[in-house]
């Protein structure tokens, strides 16, 4: 009688383990490769809307780089925006850091009116998805899309 009891218990345990192994809780993808992920970003220049002259990297620039201010809006409050200046290639790079689907950034050039940039981010499909920049809207106008976005976005001021 004891052996029958042990056989039944053994079969129940084996069945429970087999059902547990076929559940959806197992990660079917395996580990993702370890490599640095570049935050979503755009490269851009700021030019005069009437002359097309670069406002910061021209031979005689109209503004100093110190007169350019960016703020990321987080929970309705201005916060630091990550801006990189590349004087050699004459461009700026701004990185998107907000965890939400849209990042709002304000841009202030000297005493000019403040501009609004809306960055929409996405993630690639699959197990090891990475973030990418989906689109950028500058003062209500789309200036970049992931599908056909330019390498360097031109912002007019």
Protein backbone atom coordinates (compact mmCIF):
# COMPACT_ATOMS: atom_id res chain seq x y z
CA UNK A 1 0.00 0.00 0.00
CA UNK A 2 2.85 2.36 0.83
CA UNK A 3 4.52 1.74 -2.53
CA UNK A 4 1.28 2.54 -4.40
CA UNK A 5 0.99 5.75 -2.39
CA UNK A 6 4.61 6.73 -3.23
CA UNK A 7 4.04 5.96 -6.93
CA UNK A 8 0.93 8.15 -7.03
CA UNK A 9 2.71 10.99 -5.22
CA UNK A 10 5.69 10.62 -7.58
CA UNK A 11 3.41 10.80 -10.64
CA UNK A 12 1.64 13.90 -9.26
CA UNK A 13 4.99 15.62 -8.62
CA UNK A 14 6.31 14.74 -12.08
CA UNK A 15 3.08 16.03 -13.65
CA UNK A 16 3.31 19.29 -11.63
CA UNK A 17 6.92 19.82 -12.69
CA UNK A 18 6.08 19.09 -16.33
CA UNK A 19 3.20 21.59 -16.31
CA UNK A 20 5.40 24.20 -14.61
CA UNK A 21 8.12 23.81 -17.23
CA UNK A 22 5.72 24.49 -20.09
CA UNK A 23 4.22 27.66 -18.59
CA UNK A 24 4.79 31.08 -20.17
CA UNK A 25 6.97 32.25 -17.30
CA UNK A 26 10.14 31.01 -18.99
CA UNK A 27 12.12 33.69 -20.84
CA UNK A 28 12.25 32.34 -24.38
CA UNK A 29 14.74 34.96 -25.52
CA UNK A 30 17.62 34.24 -23.26
CA UNK A 31 20.00 36.93 -22.05
CA UNK A 32 20.44 40.09 -24.10
CA UNK A 33 23.94 40.94 -25.32
CA UNK A 34 25.90 43.35 -23.17
CA UNK A 35 26.62 46.47 -25.19
CA UNK A 36 26.26 50.18 -24.65
CA UNK A 37 22.93 51.60 -25.73
CA UNK A 38 23.02 55.14 -27.10
CA UNK A 39 20.16 57.27 -25.84
CA UNK A 40 17.76 58.56 -28.50
CA UNK A 41 19.09 61.88 -29.83
CA UNK A 42 19.15 64.32 -32.72
CA UNK A 43 21.95 66.31 -34.29
CA UNK A 44 20.92 69.83 -35.25
CA UNK A 45 21.96 73.31 -36.28
CA UNK A 46 20.16 76.56 -35.59
CA UNK A 47 20.00 78.95 -38.54
CA UNK A 48 18.51 82.37 -39.24
CA UNK A 49 15.12 81.88 -40.88
CA UNK A 50 15.61 84.73 -43.37
CA UNK A 51 19.28 84.41 -44.33
CA UNK A 52 19.94 80.72 -43.59
CA UNK A 53 23.16 81.68 -41.77
CA UNK A 54 24.18 79.45 -38.88
CA UNK A 55 23.56 81.42 -35.69
CA UNK A 56 26.32 79.73 -33.65
CA UNK A 57 28.91 78.25 -36.03
CA UNK A 58 29.16 80.89 -38.76
CA UNK A 59 32.49 82.64 -39.42
CA UNK A 60 31.06 85.54 -37.41
CA UNK A 61 28.36 83.96 -35.24
CA UNK A 62 25.38 86.04 -34.19
CA UNK A 63 25.21 84.31 -30.78
CA UNK A 64 27.64 82.67 -28.39
CA UNK A 65 27.04 79.06 -27.40
CA UNK A 66 26.67 80.25 -23.80
CA UNK A 67 23.51 82.11 -24.93
CA UNK A 68 21.80 78.83 -25.83
CA UNK A 69 19.78 77.25 -23.01
CA UNK A 70 17.91 73.92 -23.06
CA UNK A 71 15.67 72.48 -20.36
CA UNK A 72 13.88 69.17 -20.26
CA UNK A 73 10.43 69.50 -18.69
CA UNK A 74 9.88 66.75 -16.12
CA UNK A 75 6.62 66.72 -14.13
CA UNK A 76 5.97 70.30 -15.26
CA UNK A 77 9.31 71.63 -13.99
CA UNK A 78 12.45 72.54 -15.97
CA UNK A 79 15.33 70.13 -15.51
CA UNK A 80 18.72 69.60 -17.13
CA UNK A 81 18.76 68.64 -20.80
CA UNK A 82 21.83 66.81 -22.07
CA UNK A 83 23.33 68.91 -24.86
CA UNK A 84 26.59 68.21 -26.64
CA UNK A 85 28.43 70.80 -28.75
CA UNK A 86 30.53 69.63 -31.70
CA UNK A 87 32.47 72.66 -32.95
CA UNK A 88 34.41 70.60 -35.48
CA UNK A 89 31.31 69.33 -37.33
CA UNK A 90 29.37 72.51 -36.43
CA UNK A 91 26.39 70.83 -34.79
CA UNK A 92 24.61 70.31 -31.51
CA UNK A 93 23.34 66.98 -30.17
CA UNK A 94 20.55 66.69 -27.65
CA UNK A 95 19.82 63.41 -25.88
CA UNK A 96 16.37 62.29 -24.78
CA UNK A 97 16.26 61.05 -21.20
CA UNK A 98 12.60 61.11 -20.19
CA UNK A 99 11.18 57.64 -19.48
CA UNK A 100 7.78 58.51 -20.97
CA UNK A 101 6.75 58.29 -24.62
CA UNK A 102 7.15 62.07 -25.15
CA UNK A 103 9.92 64.34 -23.87
CA UNK A 104 9.27 68.10 -23.86
CA UNK A 105 12.32 70.33 -24.15
CA UNK A 106 12.47 74.13 -24.17
CA UNK A 107 15.10 76.03 -26.12
CA UNK A 108 16.04 79.64 -25.42
CA UNK A 109 18.39 81.58 -27.69
CA UNK A 110 19.53 84.77 -25.92
CA UNK A 111 16.51 87.09 -25.59
CA UNK A 112 14.49 85.44 -28.39
CA UNK A 113 11.12 83.79 -27.65
CA UNK A 114 11.31 80.33 -26.14
CA UNK A 115 10.88 77.37 -28.49
CA UNK A 116 9.29 73.98 -27.70
CA UNK A 117 10.60 70.65 -28.95
CA UNK A 118 8.56 67.47 -28.50
CA UNK A 119 10.57 64.27 -28.79
CA UNK A 120 8.64 61.03 -29.25
CA UNK A 121 10.56 57.87 -28.47
CA UNK A 122 9.86 54.24 -29.31
CA UNK A 123 11.42 50.84 -28.77
CA UNK A 124 12.42 48.25 -31.30
CA UNK A 125 10.44 45.01 -31.32
CA UNK A 126 11.72 41.75 -29.95
CA UNK A 127 13.27 40.48 -26.79
CA UNK A 128 16.26 42.81 -26.56
CA UNK A 129 14.51 46.03 -27.60
CA UNK A 130 16.41 49.30 -27.66
CA UNK A 131 15.03 52.84 -27.54
CA UNK A 132 15.01 55.03 -30.65
CA UNK A 133 13.82 58.50 -31.56
CA UNK A 134 10.53 58.25 -33.44
CA UNK A 135 9.86 61.93 -34.23
CA UNK A 136 10.67 65.51 -33.28
CA UNK A 137 8.21 68.39 -33.44
CA UNK A 138 9.65 71.93 -33.31
CA UNK A 139 7.11 74.65 -32.49
CA UNK A 140 4.31 72.55 -33.96
CA UNK A 141 6.15 71.44 -37.12
CA UNK A 142 7.57 67.94 -37.56
CA UNK A 143 11.28 68.31 -38.34
CA UNK A 144 12.37 64.68 -37.91
CA UNK A 145 10.85 61.22 -38.29
CA UNK A 146 12.58 57.89 -37.70
CA UNK A 147 11.66 56.64 -41.17
CA UNK A 148 13.16 59.52 -43.17
CA UNK A 149 14.74 61.86 -40.65
CA UNK A 150 17.76 63.87 -41.72
CA UNK A 151 21.18 63.26 -40.22
CA UNK A 152 21.27 66.87 -39.05
CA UNK A 153 18.01 68.68 -38.33
CA UNK A 154 17.88 72.37 -39.25
CA UNK A 155 16.01 74.53 -36.74
CA UNK A 156 15.17 78.06 -37.91
CA UNK A 157 15.07 80.99 -35.55
